[in-house]
Amino acid sequence: MSGAWIRSGYSDQQGGPCVEWAPGRVSGGEGVPVRDSKDVGRAPLRFSTCAWTAFVEQMKRTV
């Protein structure tokens, strides 16, 4: 599976904790992969497309 990881625009640009997701890595029923940029060797968490969309929409309203 290919696809670049996208870092959250709200992540710390000085090297602090960062959340990344990879839209090109979404496949079948596996869900949306999300990882910590400080630990890229660890398997990403996967969220259903519905849950990920709800999370992003909520963040847009509150941040």
N, C-alpha and C. Protein backbone atom coordinates (compact mmCIF):
# COMPACT_ATOMS: atom_id res chain seq x y z
N MET A 1 0.85 -1.17 0.00
CA MET A 1 0.00 0.00 0.00
C MET A 1 0.89 1.23 0.00
N SER A 2 0.54 2.24 -0.80
CA SER A 2 1.37 3.44 -0.85
C SER A 2 0.57 4.64 -0.38
N GLY A 3 1.26 5.74 -0.26
CA GLY A 3 0.61 6.97 0.15
C GLY A 3 1.41 7.71 1.19
N ALA A 4 1.47 9.00 1.00
CA ALA A 4 2.22 9.84 1.93
C ALA A 4 1.43 10.07 3.21
N TRP A 5 2.16 10.25 4.28
CA TRP A 5 1.55 10.60 5.56
C TRP A 5 1.41 12.11 5.62
N ILE A 6 0.29 12.59 6.12
CA ILE A 6 0.01 14.02 6.24
C ILE A 6 0.01 14.38 7.72
N ARG A 7 0.79 15.37 8.07
CA ARG A 7 0.88 15.81 9.47
C ARG A 7 -0.20 16.84 9.75
N SER A 8 -0.78 16.75 10.92
CA SER A 8 -1.79 17.71 11.34
C SER A 8 -1.22 19.11 11.33
N GLY A 9 -2.01 20.07 10.84
CA GLY A 9 -1.61 21.47 10.85
C GLY A 9 -1.53 22.04 12.25
N TYR A 10 -2.10 21.35 13.22
CA TYR A 10 -2.08 21.80 14.60
C TYR A 10 -0.95 21.17 15.40
N SER A 11 -0.15 20.34 14.75
CA SER A 11 0.96 19.70 15.45
C SER A 11 2.07 20.71 15.71
N ASP A 12 2.84 20.44 16.73
CA ASP A 12 3.95 21.30 17.13
C ASP A 12 5.05 21.29 16.07
N GLN A 13 5.35 22.43 15.50
CA GLN A 13 6.38 22.53 14.46
C GLN A 13 7.80 22.48 15.03
N GLN A 14 7.95 22.53 16.36
CA GLN A 14 9.26 22.46 16.99
C GLN A 14 9.64 21.02 17.35
N GLY A 15 8.95 20.07 16.79
CA GLY A 15 9.31 18.68 17.03
C GLY A 15 8.55 18.00 18.14
N GLY A 16 7.50 18.62 18.63
CA GLY A 16 6.68 18.01 19.67
C GLY A 16 5.80 16.90 19.10
N PRO A 17 4.87 16.40 19.89
CA PRO A 17 3.98 15.33 19.44
C PRO A 17 3.22 15.72 18.17
N CYS A 18 3.17 14.81 17.22
CA CYS A 18 2.49 15.07 15.96
C CYS A 18 1.61 13.89 15.56
N VAL A 19 0.44 14.20 15.08
CA VAL A 19 -0.48 13.18 14.58
C VAL A 19 -0.42 13.22 13.06
N GLU A 20 -0.32 12.05 12.44
CA GLU A 20 -0.29 11.94 10.98
C GLU A 20 -1.34 10.94 10.52
N TRP A 21 -1.84 11.16 9.32
CA TRP A 21 -2.76 10.19 8.72
C TRP A 21 -2.38 10.03 7.26
N ALA A 22 -2.79 8.92 6.66
CA ALA A 22 -2.40 8.61 5.29
C ALA A 22 -3.62 8.28 4.44
N PRO A 23 -4.17 9.28 3.74
CA PRO A 23 -5.36 9.03 2.93
C PRO A 23 -5.13 8.01 1.82
N GLY A 24 -3.92 7.92 1.29
CA GLY A 24 -3.61 6.97 0.24
C GLY A 24 -3.49 5.54 0.73
N ARG A 25 -3.52 5.35 2.04
CA ARG A 25 -3.39 4.01 2.62
C ARG A 25 -4.73 3.45 3.10
N VAL A 26 -5.81 4.17 2.85
CA VAL A 26 -7.14 3.69 3.22
C VAL A 26 -7.54 2.62 2.19
N SER A 27 -7.90 1.45 2.67
CA SER A 27 -8.29 0.40 1.74
C SER A 27 -9.37 -0.48 2.34
N GLY A 28 -10.26 -0.93 1.49
CA GLY A 28 -11.30 -1.85 1.91
C GLY A 28 -11.92 -1.49 3.23
N GLY A 29 -12.05 -2.44 4.11
CA GLY A 29 -12.64 -2.20 5.41
C GLY A 29 -11.61 -1.98 6.51
N GLU A 30 -10.36 -1.69 6.11
CA GLU A 30 -9.31 -1.53 7.11
C GLU A 30 -9.36 -0.20 7.85
N GLY A 31 -10.00 0.78 7.31
CA GLY A 31 -10.12 2.07 7.98
C GLY A 31 -8.99 3.04 7.68
N VAL A 32 -9.06 4.19 8.31
CA VAL A 32 -8.11 5.28 8.11
C VAL A 32 -6.93 5.10 9.07
N PRO A 33 -5.70 5.00 8.55
CA PRO A 33 -4.54 4.83 9.42
C PRO A 33 -4.09 6.16 10.03
N VAL A 34 -3.83 6.15 11.33
CA VAL A 34 -3.38 7.33 12.07
C VAL A 34 -2.20 6.89 12.92
N ARG A 35 -1.14 7.73 12.93
CA ARG A 35 0.04 7.36 13.72
C ARG A 35 0.65 8.56 14.43
N ASP A 36 1.55 8.26 15.33
CA ASP A 36 2.35 9.26 16.04
C ASP A 36 3.65 9.41 15.26
N SER A 37 3.96 10.62 14.81
CA SER A 37 5.16 10.82 14.00
C SER A 37 6.44 10.55 14.79
N LYS A 38 6.35 10.49 16.10
CA LYS A 38 7.53 10.21 16.92
C LYS A 38 7.80 8.71 17.03
N ASP A 39 6.87 7.88 16.55
CA ASP A 39 7.01 6.43 16.65
C ASP A 39 6.49 5.78 15.38
N VAL A 40 7.12 6.11 14.24
CA VAL A 40 6.61 5.66 12.94
C VAL A 40 6.79 4.16 12.71
N GLY A 41 7.60 3.51 13.50
CA GLY A 41 7.78 2.07 13.36
C GLY A 41 6.65 1.25 13.95
N ARG A 42 5.87 1.88 14.78
CA ARG A 42 4.74 1.20 15.41
C ARG A 42 3.56 1.13 14.43
N ALA A 43 2.80 0.08 14.50
CA ALA A 43 1.63 -0.06 13.62
C ALA A 43 0.65 1.08 13.88
N PRO A 44 0.08 1.66 12.82
CA PRO A 44 -0.87 2.76 13.02
C PRO A 44 -2.18 2.27 13.61
N LEU A 45 -2.86 3.17 14.28
CA LEU A 45 -4.23 2.90 14.71
C LEU A 45 -5.11 3.06 13.48
N ARG A 46 -6.21 2.34 13.41
CA ARG A 46 -7.12 2.47 12.27
C ARG A 46 -8.51 2.78 12.77
N PHE A 47 -9.11 3.80 12.15
CA PHE A 47 -10.45 4.24 12.51
C PHE A 47 -11.36 4.08 11.31
N SER A 48 -12.62 3.73 11.55
CA SER A 48 -13.55 3.61 10.44
C SER A 48 -13.65 4.97 9.75
N THR A 49 -13.99 4.95 8.48
CA THR A 49 -14.13 6.20 7.73
C THR A 49 -15.16 7.10 8.38
N CYS A 50 -16.24 6.52 8.86
CA CYS A 50 -17.30 7.29 9.52
C CYS A 50 -16.77 7.95 10.80
N ALA A 51 -16.05 7.20 11.62
CA ALA A 51 -15.50 7.75 12.86
C ALA A 51 -14.47 8.83 12.57
N TRP A 52 -13.61 8.61 11.58
CA TRP A 52 -12.58 9.59 11.23
C TRP A 52 -13.23 10.88 10.73
N THR A 53 -14.23 10.77 9.88
CA THR A 53 -14.93 11.95 9.36
C THR A 53 -15.59 12.72 10.48
N ALA A 54 -16.24 12.03 11.41
CA ALA A 54 -16.89 12.70 12.55
C ALA A 54 -15.85 13.42 13.40
N PHE A 55 -14.70 12.80 13.63
CA PHE A 55 -13.63 13.42 14.41
C PHE A 55 -13.13 14.69 13.73
N VAL A 56 -12.84 14.62 12.45
CA VAL A 56 -12.33 15.78 11.71
C VAL A 56 -13.35 16.91 11.70
N GLU A 57 -14.61 16.59 11.47
CA GLU A 57 -15.65 17.62 11.47
C GLU A 57 -15.79 18.28 12.83
N GLN A 58 -15.70 17.50 13.90
CA GLN A 58 -15.78 18.06 15.25
C GLN A 58 -14.58 18.98 15.51
N MET A 59 -13.41 18.58 15.09
CA MET A 59 -12.22 19.41 15.28
C MET A 59 -12.34 20.73 14.52
N LYS A 60 -12.90 20.68 13.32
CA LYS A 60 -13.09 21.91 12.54
C LYS A 60 -14.00 22.89 13.27
N ARG A 61 -14.99 22.36 13.99
CA ARG A 61 -15.94 23.22 14.70
C ARG A 61 -15.38 23.77 16.00
N THR A 62 -14.44 23.07 16.61
CA THR A 62 -13.99 23.46 17.95
C THR A 62 -12.59 24.05 18.02
N VAL A 63 -11.80 23.89 17.00
CA VAL A 63 -10.41 24.38 17.05
C VAL A 63 -10.28 25.63 16.23
